[in-house]
Structure formats: structure tokens, C-alpha cells
Amino acid sequence: MTIQAVVFDLDGVIVDSEHLWEEAWRACCRRRGVGWSRDDTTTVQGMSAPEWSAYVARKLTDGTTADVVADECVGHVIEAVHNDEAPLLTGAGELVAATAARVPIGLASSAARRVIDAVLVEHELTERFSATVSSEEVDRGKPHPDVYLAATRRLGLAPESCLAIEDSGNGIRAAHAAGLYVVAIPNAVYPPKADAVKLADYVARDHAEATRHIEQRLP
């Protein structure tokens, strides 16, 4: 089937920001004398803000609520964005421009809505996207398909006519479960597990390779 739209992930696909979330979760726990491990990061990557904030709150022993956790962590990331600590990944701007010139593009992100909006404004990308969805706006975060299904609905297209670009294991699983054609650009710092990578329809080494492959599939 001809691809009629492209749906991007945000963290790790458009901007170099995955580490900012890990910093936020670790700092939130450290302030309360609780440790945070890389396994914790792997567990919550892809979760919606309500899901990961509940996970963090369960680790804390001082009665801190999930709402407080979310406010702290989202605030940490937004401040970093405004301080130019979430730059575009190499080739990401070109990938967004190349796809947006050919078909409508959407965004299906685990980031909180406030973070999505801050990043798109910071990098002057807001007008490029025809639809953006935060997983906090659907019932379940990644690896469930909800955020991708919502994005394709807002684009007015069937999931199987859309292409997703992902970097993480849970993101790949979510896009695959939703029925999109999945292009993976595996995250070098937080690499997806092999079983997730196998679900991708195409695995690119970098954004330039992903751009070439996607352009071949666009009308």
C-alpha cells in the first residue's frame, strides 16, 4: 500500500531528549533518598505521564503523589528544552522537512503535551505537523497501540496506510501493534531489544538512511 502519512515519535527520533527524562526521574527520586536504576528507565520508557509518574510515586517512601512527580519531572524537561539542552538529532530536521513536503505528518509521543508543544515551538516545527498526540491523552501508553491509533484517526487515515518512525523498543511495539509500517532508527544510548527490532519493517542506521528509504515509499 502507498504510504499516505508519516507519524513520528519525538524523544530520540526528532530531538536528543531521552536522557533528560532519565535525569528527571533520577533527580526526583534522589531528592527523597531513593535510588533510580537503568532498569527503571527501561521499564518506564514509552509509558504515558500518568503511568510513569505512578511508577515513580510507588518507589518513593514519603507519600509524594503521582501528580507531584509528574509536575517535577515535566518541569525539569521543559526547563532543559528552553535551555537548548534538547537539540534536533542529526538529520532529523531534514527528515521532517522531506516527509512533510510529500505527505501529511503526525506525532505520536510518550511525552507530556506541555513538552511536545515546547519542543515544537523551540525548533519551529509546530506548523509542519497536521496532528500531534501525547500518550497522556489516550488510555494506555506505549507499547500499547493507543497513541498511534489516535494519531492516524486525527490524520483521517487508516493505520495501515501510515508509516511510523521509532527509536525505542516500546515505541516499535506500539506502532507495529497499531498496524503501521514501522521504520526503526535504534537508539544508540537506550537500544531496543532484539525482539522489538524484529517487529520493524525496516531498520535504518541513521536519519539519512531512514530518509532515503521513506522517500522511496512516498507518493
C-alpha atoms as a PDB file:
ATOM      1  CA  MET A   1       0.000   0.000   0.000  1.00  0.00           C
ATOM      2  CA  THR A   2       1.178   3.514  -0.782  1.00  0.00           C
ATOM      3  CA  ILE A   3       2.119   5.427   2.346  1.00  0.00           C
ATOM      4  CA  GLN A   4      -0.218   8.388   2.782  1.00  0.00           C
ATOM      5  CA  ALA A   5       1.195   9.888   6.003  1.00  0.00           C
ATOM      6  CA  VAL A   6       4.190   9.610   8.308  1.00  0.00           C
ATOM      7  CA  VAL A   7       3.870   9.565  12.101  1.00  0.00           C
ATOM      8  CA  PHE A   8       6.937  10.491  14.131  1.00  0.00           C
ATOM      9  CA  ASP A   9       7.957   9.685  17.665  1.00  0.00           C
ATOM     10  CA  LEU A  10       9.526  12.701  19.416  1.00  0.00           C
ATOM     11  CA  ASP A  11      12.146  11.771  22.035  1.00  0.00           C
ATOM     12  CA  GLY A  12      15.045  10.007  20.338  1.00  0.00           C
ATOM     13  CA  VAL A  13      13.663  10.486  16.820  1.00  0.00           C
ATOM     14  CA  ILE A  14      13.342  14.248  16.414  1.00  0.00           C
ATOM     15  CA  VAL A  15      15.218  15.578  19.448  1.00  0.00           C
ATOM     16  CA  ASP A  16      18.017  14.258  21.644  1.00  0.00           C
ATOM     17  CA  SER A  17      15.993  14.199  24.847  1.00  0.00           C
ATOM     18  CA  GLU A  18      15.672  10.626  26.145  1.00  0.00           C
ATOM     19  CA  HIS A  19      18.415  11.308  28.704  1.00  0.00           C
ATOM     20  CA  LEU A  20      16.520  14.332  30.040  1.00  0.00           C
ATOM     21  CA  TRP A  21      13.677  12.104  31.180  1.00  0.00           C
ATOM     22  CA  GLU A  22      16.108   9.751  32.912  1.00  0.00           C
ATOM     23  CA  GLU A  23      17.724  12.744  34.612  1.00  0.00           C
ATOM     24  CA  ALA A  24      14.297  13.960  35.762  1.00  0.00           C
ATOM     25  CA  TRP A  25      13.228  10.592  37.201  1.00  0.00           C
ATOM     26  CA  ARG A  26      16.563  10.078  38.942  1.00  0.00           C
ATOM     27  CA  ALA A  27      16.586  13.591  40.421  1.00  0.00           C
ATOM     28  CA  CYS A  28      13.016  13.226  41.678  1.00  0.00           C
ATOM     29  CA  CYS A  29      13.976  10.034  43.490  1.00  0.00           C
ATOM     30  CA  ARG A  30      17.336  11.334  44.725  1.00  0.00           C
ATOM     31  CA  ARG A  31      15.687  14.312  46.421  1.00  0.00           C
ATOM     32  CA  ARG A  32      13.769  11.797  48.515  1.00  0.00           C
ATOM     33  CA  GLY A  33      16.649   9.436  49.221  1.00  0.00           C
ATOM     34  CA  VAL A  34      15.571   6.759  46.744  1.00  0.00           C
ATOM     35  CA  GLY A  35      17.723   5.226  44.016  1.00  0.00           C
ATOM     36  CA  TRP A  36      16.885   5.033  40.317  1.00  0.00           C
ATOM     37  CA  SER A  37      18.426   2.422  38.006  1.00  0.00           C
ATOM     38  CA  ARG A  38      18.794   1.962  34.256  1.00  0.00           C
ATOM     39  CA  ASP A  39      16.328  -0.928  34.613  1.00  0.00           C
ATOM     40  CA  ASP A  40      13.799   1.568  35.975  1.00  0.00           C
ATOM     41  CA  THR A  41      14.381   3.749  32.929  1.00  0.00           C
ATOM     42  CA  THR A  42      13.902   0.817  30.566  1.00  0.00           C
ATOM     43  CA  THR A  43      10.690  -0.114  32.356  1.00  0.00           C
ATOM     44  CA  VAL A  44       9.047   3.297  32.062  1.00  0.00           C
ATOM     45  CA  GLN A  45      10.270   4.345  28.609  1.00  0.00           C
ATOM     46  CA  GLY A  46       7.221   4.714  26.411  1.00  0.00           C
ATOM     47  CA  MET A  47       4.781   4.979  29.304  1.00  0.00           C
ATOM     48  CA  SER A  48       2.413   7.927  29.417  1.00  0.00           C
ATOM     49  CA  ALA A  49       2.952  10.636  32.037  1.00  0.00           C
ATOM     50  CA  PRO A  50       0.189   9.231  34.292  1.00  0.00           C
ATOM     51  CA  GLU A  51       1.773   5.774  34.037  1.00  0.00           C
ATOM     52  CA  TRP A  52       5.393   6.671  34.698  1.00  0.00           C
ATOM     53  CA  SER A  53       4.532   9.175  37.430  1.00  0.00           C
ATOM     54  CA  ALA A  54       2.559   6.457  39.232  1.00  0.00           C
ATOM     55  CA  TYR A  55       5.538   4.101  38.875  1.00  0.00           C
ATOM     56  CA  VAL A  56       7.915   6.689  40.356  1.00  0.00           C
ATOM     57  CA  ALA A  57       5.497   7.549  43.174  1.00  0.00           C
ATOM     58  CA  ARG A  58       5.349   3.877  44.168  1.00  0.00           C
ATOM     59  CA  LYS A  59       9.142   3.889  44.610  1.00  0.00           C
ATOM     60  CA  LEU A  60       9.048   6.856  46.975  1.00  0.00           C
ATOM     61  CA  THR A  61       8.519   6.438  50.693  1.00  0.00           C
ATOM     62  CA  ASP A  62       7.419   9.934  51.721  1.00  0.00           C
ATOM     63  CA  GLY A  63       3.897   9.962  50.353  1.00  0.00           C
ATOM     64  CA  THR A  64       4.717  12.032  47.276  1.00  0.00           C
ATOM     65  CA  THR A  65       1.814  11.741  44.862  1.00  0.00           C
ATOM     66  CA  ALA A  66       1.971  10.909  41.176  1.00  0.00           C
ATOM     67  CA  ASP A  67       0.742  14.417  40.328  1.00  0.00           C
ATOM     68  CA  VAL A  68       3.676  15.966  42.182  1.00  0.00           C
ATOM     69  CA  VAL A  69       6.099  13.586  40.453  1.00  0.00           C
ATOM     70  CA  ALA A  70       4.683  14.486  37.036  1.00  0.00           C
ATOM     71  CA  ASP A  71       4.901  18.228  37.692  1.00  0.00           C
ATOM     72  CA  GLU A  72       8.519  17.963  38.859  1.00  0.00           C
ATOM     73  CA  CYS A  73       9.710  15.759  36.013  1.00  0.00           C
ATOM     74  CA  VAL A  74       7.844  17.513  33.219  1.00  0.00           C
ATOM     75  CA  GLY A  75       9.080  20.839  34.575  1.00  0.00           C
ATOM     76  CA  HIS A  76      12.655  19.531  34.553  1.00  0.00           C
ATOM     77  CA  VAL A  77      12.419  18.542  30.884  1.00  0.00           C
ATOM     78  CA  ILE A  78      10.710  21.759  29.779  1.00  0.00           C
ATOM     79  CA  GLU A  79      13.397  23.840  31.501  1.00  0.00           C
ATOM     80  CA  ALA A  80      16.050  21.798  29.686  1.00  0.00           C
ATOM     81  CA  VAL A  81      14.276  22.370  26.361  1.00  0.00           C
ATOM     82  CA  HIS A  82      14.244  26.130  26.958  1.00  0.00           C
ATOM     83  CA  ASN A  83      17.952  25.960  27.866  1.00  0.00           C
ATOM     84  CA  ASP A  84      18.782  24.410  24.459  1.00  0.00           C
ATOM     85  CA  GLU A  85      19.511  21.023  26.023  1.00  0.00           C
ATOM     86  CA  ALA A  86      17.227  19.113  23.636  1.00  0.00           C
ATOM     87  CA  PRO A  87      18.770  19.734  20.202  1.00  0.00           C
ATOM     88  CA  LEU A  88      17.499  18.254  16.970  1.00  0.00           C
ATOM     89  CA  LEU A  89      19.160  14.941  16.232  1.00  0.00           C
ATOM     90  CA  THR A  90      21.486  14.891  13.237  1.00  0.00           C
ATOM     91  CA  GLY A  91      19.354  14.601  10.120  1.00  0.00           C
ATOM     92  CA  ALA A  92      16.055  14.913  11.979  1.00  0.00           C
ATOM     93  CA  GLY A  93      15.204  18.352  10.635  1.00  0.00           C
ATOM     94  CA  GLU A  94      15.857  17.166   7.100  1.00  0.00           C
ATOM     95  CA  LEU A  95      13.735  14.048   7.667  1.00  0.00           C
ATOM     96  CA  VAL A  96      10.802  16.098   8.944  1.00  0.00           C
ATOM     97  CA  ALA A  97      11.082  18.554   6.050  1.00  0.00           C
ATOM     98  CA  ALA A  98      11.406  15.838   3.399  1.00  0.00           C
ATOM     99  CA  THR A  99       8.350  13.923   4.590  1.00  0.00           C
ATOM    100  CA  ALA A 100       6.189  16.984   5.260  1.00  0.00           C
ATOM    101  CA  ALA A 101       6.820  18.141   1.696  1.00  0.00           C
ATOM    102  CA  ARG A 102       5.278  14.939   0.352  1.00  0.00           C
ATOM    103  CA  VAL A 103       2.532  13.815   2.766  1.00  0.00           C
ATOM    104  CA  PRO A 104       0.820  14.945   5.984  1.00  0.00           C
ATOM    105  CA  ILE A 105       2.871  14.159   9.070  1.00  0.00           C
ATOM    106  CA  GLY A 106       1.794  13.439  12.619  1.00  0.00           C
ATOM    107  CA  LEU A 107       3.359  12.930  16.019  1.00  0.00           C
ATOM    108  CA  ALA A 108       2.669  10.089  18.461  1.00  0.00           C
ATOM    109  CA  SER A 109       4.732  10.732  21.577  1.00  0.00           C
ATOM    110  CA  SER A 110       5.015   9.475  25.125  1.00  0.00           C
ATOM    111  CA  ALA A 111       5.995  12.965  26.193  1.00  0.00           C
ATOM    112  CA  ALA A 112       3.534  15.104  28.107  1.00  0.00           C
ATOM    113  CA  ARG A 113       1.584  17.601  25.991  1.00  0.00           C
ATOM    114  CA  ARG A 114       3.446  20.536  27.543  1.00  0.00           C
ATOM    115  CA  VAL A 115       6.771  19.023  26.491  1.00  0.00           C
ATOM    116  CA  ILE A 116       5.595  18.276  22.954  1.00  0.00           C
ATOM    117  CA  ASP A 117       4.421  21.844  22.489  1.00  0.00           C
ATOM    118  CA  ALA A 118       7.609  23.296  23.992  1.00  0.00           C
ATOM    119  CA  VAL A 119       9.851  21.226  21.703  1.00  0.00           C
ATOM    120  CA  LEU A 120       7.914  22.011  18.540  1.00  0.00           C
ATOM    121  CA  VAL A 121       7.877  25.734  19.312  1.00  0.00           C
ATOM    122  CA  GLU A 122      11.569  25.735  20.265  1.00  0.00           C
ATOM    123  CA  HIS A 123      12.535  24.175  16.943  1.00  0.00           C
ATOM    124  CA  GLU A 124       9.888  25.993  14.861  1.00  0.00           C
ATOM    125  CA  LEU A 125       8.237  22.743  13.807  1.00  0.00           C
ATOM    126  CA  THR A 126       4.678  23.289  15.006  1.00  0.00           C
ATOM    127  CA  GLU A 127       3.249  24.156  11.599  1.00  0.00           C
ATOM    128  CA  ARG A 128       4.806  21.090   9.989  1.00  0.00           C
ATOM    129  CA  PHE A 129       2.534  18.669  11.841  1.00  0.00           C
ATOM    130  CA  SER A 130      -1.076  18.008  10.863  1.00  0.00           C
ATOM    131  CA  ALA A 131      -1.782  16.069  14.079  1.00  0.00           C
ATOM    132  CA  THR A 132       0.027  15.570  17.390  1.00  0.00           C
ATOM    133  CA  VAL A 133      -0.934  13.191  20.181  1.00  0.00           C
ATOM    134  CA  SER A 134       0.527  12.711  23.651  1.00  0.00           C
ATOM    135  CA  SER A 135       0.057   9.309  25.243  1.00  0.00           C
ATOM    136  CA  GLU A 136      -1.354  11.114  28.302  1.00  0.00           C
ATOM    137  CA  GLU A 137      -4.353  11.869  26.054  1.00  0.00           C
ATOM    138  CA  VAL A 138      -5.165   8.194  25.438  1.00  0.00           C
ATOM    139  CA  ASP A 139      -5.972   5.275  27.738  1.00  0.00           C
ATOM    140  CA  ARG A 140      -2.617   3.496  27.559  1.00  0.00           C
ATOM    141  CA  GLY A 141       0.927   4.454  26.706  1.00  0.00           C
ATOM    142  CA  LYS A 142       3.405   2.552  24.574  1.00  0.00           C
ATOM    143  CA  PRO A 143       3.890  -0.416  23.964  1.00  0.00           C
ATOM    144  CA  HIS A 144       0.104  -0.340  23.567  1.00  0.00           C
ATOM    145  CA  PRO A 145      -1.053   0.986  20.181  1.00  0.00           C
ATOM    146  CA  ASP A 146      -3.405   3.683  21.510  1.00  0.00           C
ATOM    147  CA  VAL A 147      -1.296   6.767  20.752  1.00  0.00           C
ATOM    148  CA  TYR A 148      -0.625   5.661  17.168  1.00  0.00           C
ATOM    149  CA  LEU A 149      -4.257   4.798  16.569  1.00  0.00           C
ATOM    150  CA  ALA A 150      -5.252   8.237  17.860  1.00  0.00           C
ATOM    151  CA  ALA A 151      -2.702   9.931  15.598  1.00  0.00           C
ATOM    152  CA  THR A 152      -3.925   8.133  12.474  1.00  0.00           C
ATOM    153  CA  ARG A 153      -7.542   8.952  13.382  1.00  0.00           C
ATOM    154  CA  ARG A 154      -6.672  12.626  13.667  1.00  0.00           C
ATOM    155  CA  LEU A 155      -4.986  12.391  10.268  1.00  0.00           C
ATOM    156  CA  GLY A 156      -8.153  10.803   8.901  1.00  0.00           C
ATOM    157  CA  LEU A 157      -6.302   7.737   7.606  1.00  0.00           C
ATOM    158  CA  ALA A 158      -6.232   4.001   8.174  1.00  0.00           C
ATOM    159  CA  PRO A 159      -3.218   2.888  10.239  1.00  0.00           C
ATOM    160  CA  GLU A 160      -2.048   0.526   7.510  1.00  0.00           C
ATOM    161  CA  SER A 161      -1.674   3.484   5.129  1.00  0.00           C
ATOM    162  CA  CYS A 162       0.717   5.259   7.530  1.00  0.00           C
ATOM    163  CA  LEU A 163       4.402   4.895   8.332  1.00  0.00           C
ATOM    164  CA  ALA A 164       5.842   5.271  11.843  1.00  0.00           C
ATOM    165  CA  ILE A 165       9.388   6.276  12.786  1.00  0.00           C
ATOM    166  CA  GLU A 166      10.587   4.953  16.139  1.00  0.00           C
ATOM    167  CA  ASP A 167      13.789   4.515  18.120  1.00  0.00           C
ATOM    168  CA  SER A 168      12.760   2.558  21.233  1.00  0.00           C
ATOM    169  CA  GLY A 169      11.562  -0.954  21.863  1.00  0.00           C
ATOM    170  CA  ASN A 170       8.214   0.045  23.323  1.00  0.00           C
ATOM    171  CA  GLY A 171       7.688   2.549  20.551  1.00  0.00           C
ATOM    172  CA  ILE A 172       8.352  -0.035  17.855  1.00  0.00           C
ATOM    173  CA  ARG A 173       5.960  -2.434  19.584  1.00  0.00           C
ATOM    174  CA  ALA A 174       3.257   0.242  19.780  1.00  0.00           C
ATOM    175  CA  ALA A 175       3.488   1.233  16.125  1.00  0.00           C
ATOM    176  CA  HIS A 176       3.586  -2.392  14.998  1.00  0.00           C
ATOM    177  CA  ALA A 177       0.563  -3.265  17.153  1.00  0.00           C
ATOM    178  CA  ALA A 178      -1.337  -0.350  15.608  1.00  0.00           C
ATOM    179  CA  GLY A 179      -0.682  -1.712  12.123  1.00  0.00           C
ATOM    180  CA  LEU A 180       1.618   0.992  10.762  1.00  0.00           C
ATOM    181  CA  TYR A 181       4.632   0.328   8.556  1.00  0.00           C
ATOM    182  CA  VAL A 182       7.494   0.762  11.035  1.00  0.00           C
ATOM    183  CA  VAL A 183      10.893   2.290  10.293  1.00  0.00           C
ATOM    184  CA  ALA A 184      13.252   1.916  13.247  1.00  0.00           C
ATOM    185  CA  ILE A 185      16.272   4.104  13.928  1.00  0.00           C
ATOM    186  CA  PRO A 186      17.554   2.242  17.011  1.00  0.00           C
ATOM    187  CA  ASN A 187      18.593   4.487  19.878  1.00  0.00           C
ATOM    188  CA  ALA A 188      22.324   4.068  20.499  1.00  0.00           C
ATOM    189  CA  VAL A 189      22.135   5.009  24.197  1.00  0.00           C
ATOM    190  CA  TYR A 190      18.918   3.128  25.013  1.00  0.00           C
ATOM    191  CA  PRO A 191      18.972   0.347  22.380  1.00  0.00           C
ATOM    192  CA  PRO A 192      15.729  -1.547  21.786  1.00  0.00           C
ATOM    193  CA  LYS A 193      15.751  -5.254  22.487  1.00  0.00           C
ATOM    194  CA  ALA A 194      16.230  -7.619  19.568  1.00  0.00           C
ATOM    195  CA  ASP A 195      12.673  -8.950  19.727  1.00  0.00           C
ATOM    196  CA  ALA A 196      11.335  -5.419  19.281  1.00  0.00           C
ATOM    197  CA  VAL A 197      13.707  -4.592  16.435  1.00  0.00           C
ATOM    198  CA  LYS A 198      12.463  -7.672  14.579  1.00  0.00           C
ATOM    199  CA  LEU A 199       8.973  -6.125  14.513  1.00  0.00           C
ATOM    200  CA  ALA A 200      10.202  -3.183  12.422  1.00  0.00           C
ATOM    201  CA  ASP A 201       9.607  -3.331   8.675  1.00  0.00           C
ATOM    202  CA  TYR A 202      12.868  -1.509   8.030  1.00  0.00           C
ATOM    203  CA  VAL A 203      15.838  -0.763  10.298  1.00  0.00           C
ATOM    204  CA  ALA A 204      17.909   2.295   9.395  1.00  0.00           C
ATOM    205  CA  ARG A 205      21.386   3.042  10.665  1.00  0.00           C
ATOM    206  CA  ASP A 206      20.705   6.773  10.883  1.00  0.00           C
ATOM    207  CA  HIS A 207      18.288   9.502   9.858  1.00  0.00           C
ATOM    208  CA  ALA A 208      19.834   9.901   6.424  1.00  0.00           C
ATOM    209  CA  GLU A 209      19.267   6.250   5.585  1.00  0.00           C
ATOM    210  CA  ALA A 210      15.751   6.439   7.006  1.00  0.00           C
ATOM    211  CA  THR A 211      15.030   9.488   4.832  1.00  0.00           C
ATOM    212  CA  ARG A 212      16.168   7.713   1.672  1.00  0.00           C
ATOM    213  CA  HIS A 213      14.068   4.645   2.438  1.00  0.00           C
ATOM    214  CA  ILE A 214      10.953   6.613   3.361  1.00  0.00           C
ATOM    215  CA  GLU A 215      11.153   8.864   0.301  1.00  0.00           C
ATOM    216  CA  GLN A 216      11.061   5.741  -1.867  1.00  0.00           C
ATOM    217  CA  ARG A 217       7.734   4.760  -0.305  1.00  0.00           C
ATOM    218  CA  LEU A 218       6.003   8.132  -0.516  1.00  0.00           C
ATOM    219  CA  PRO A 219       3.762   9.250  -3.379  1.00  0.00           C
END
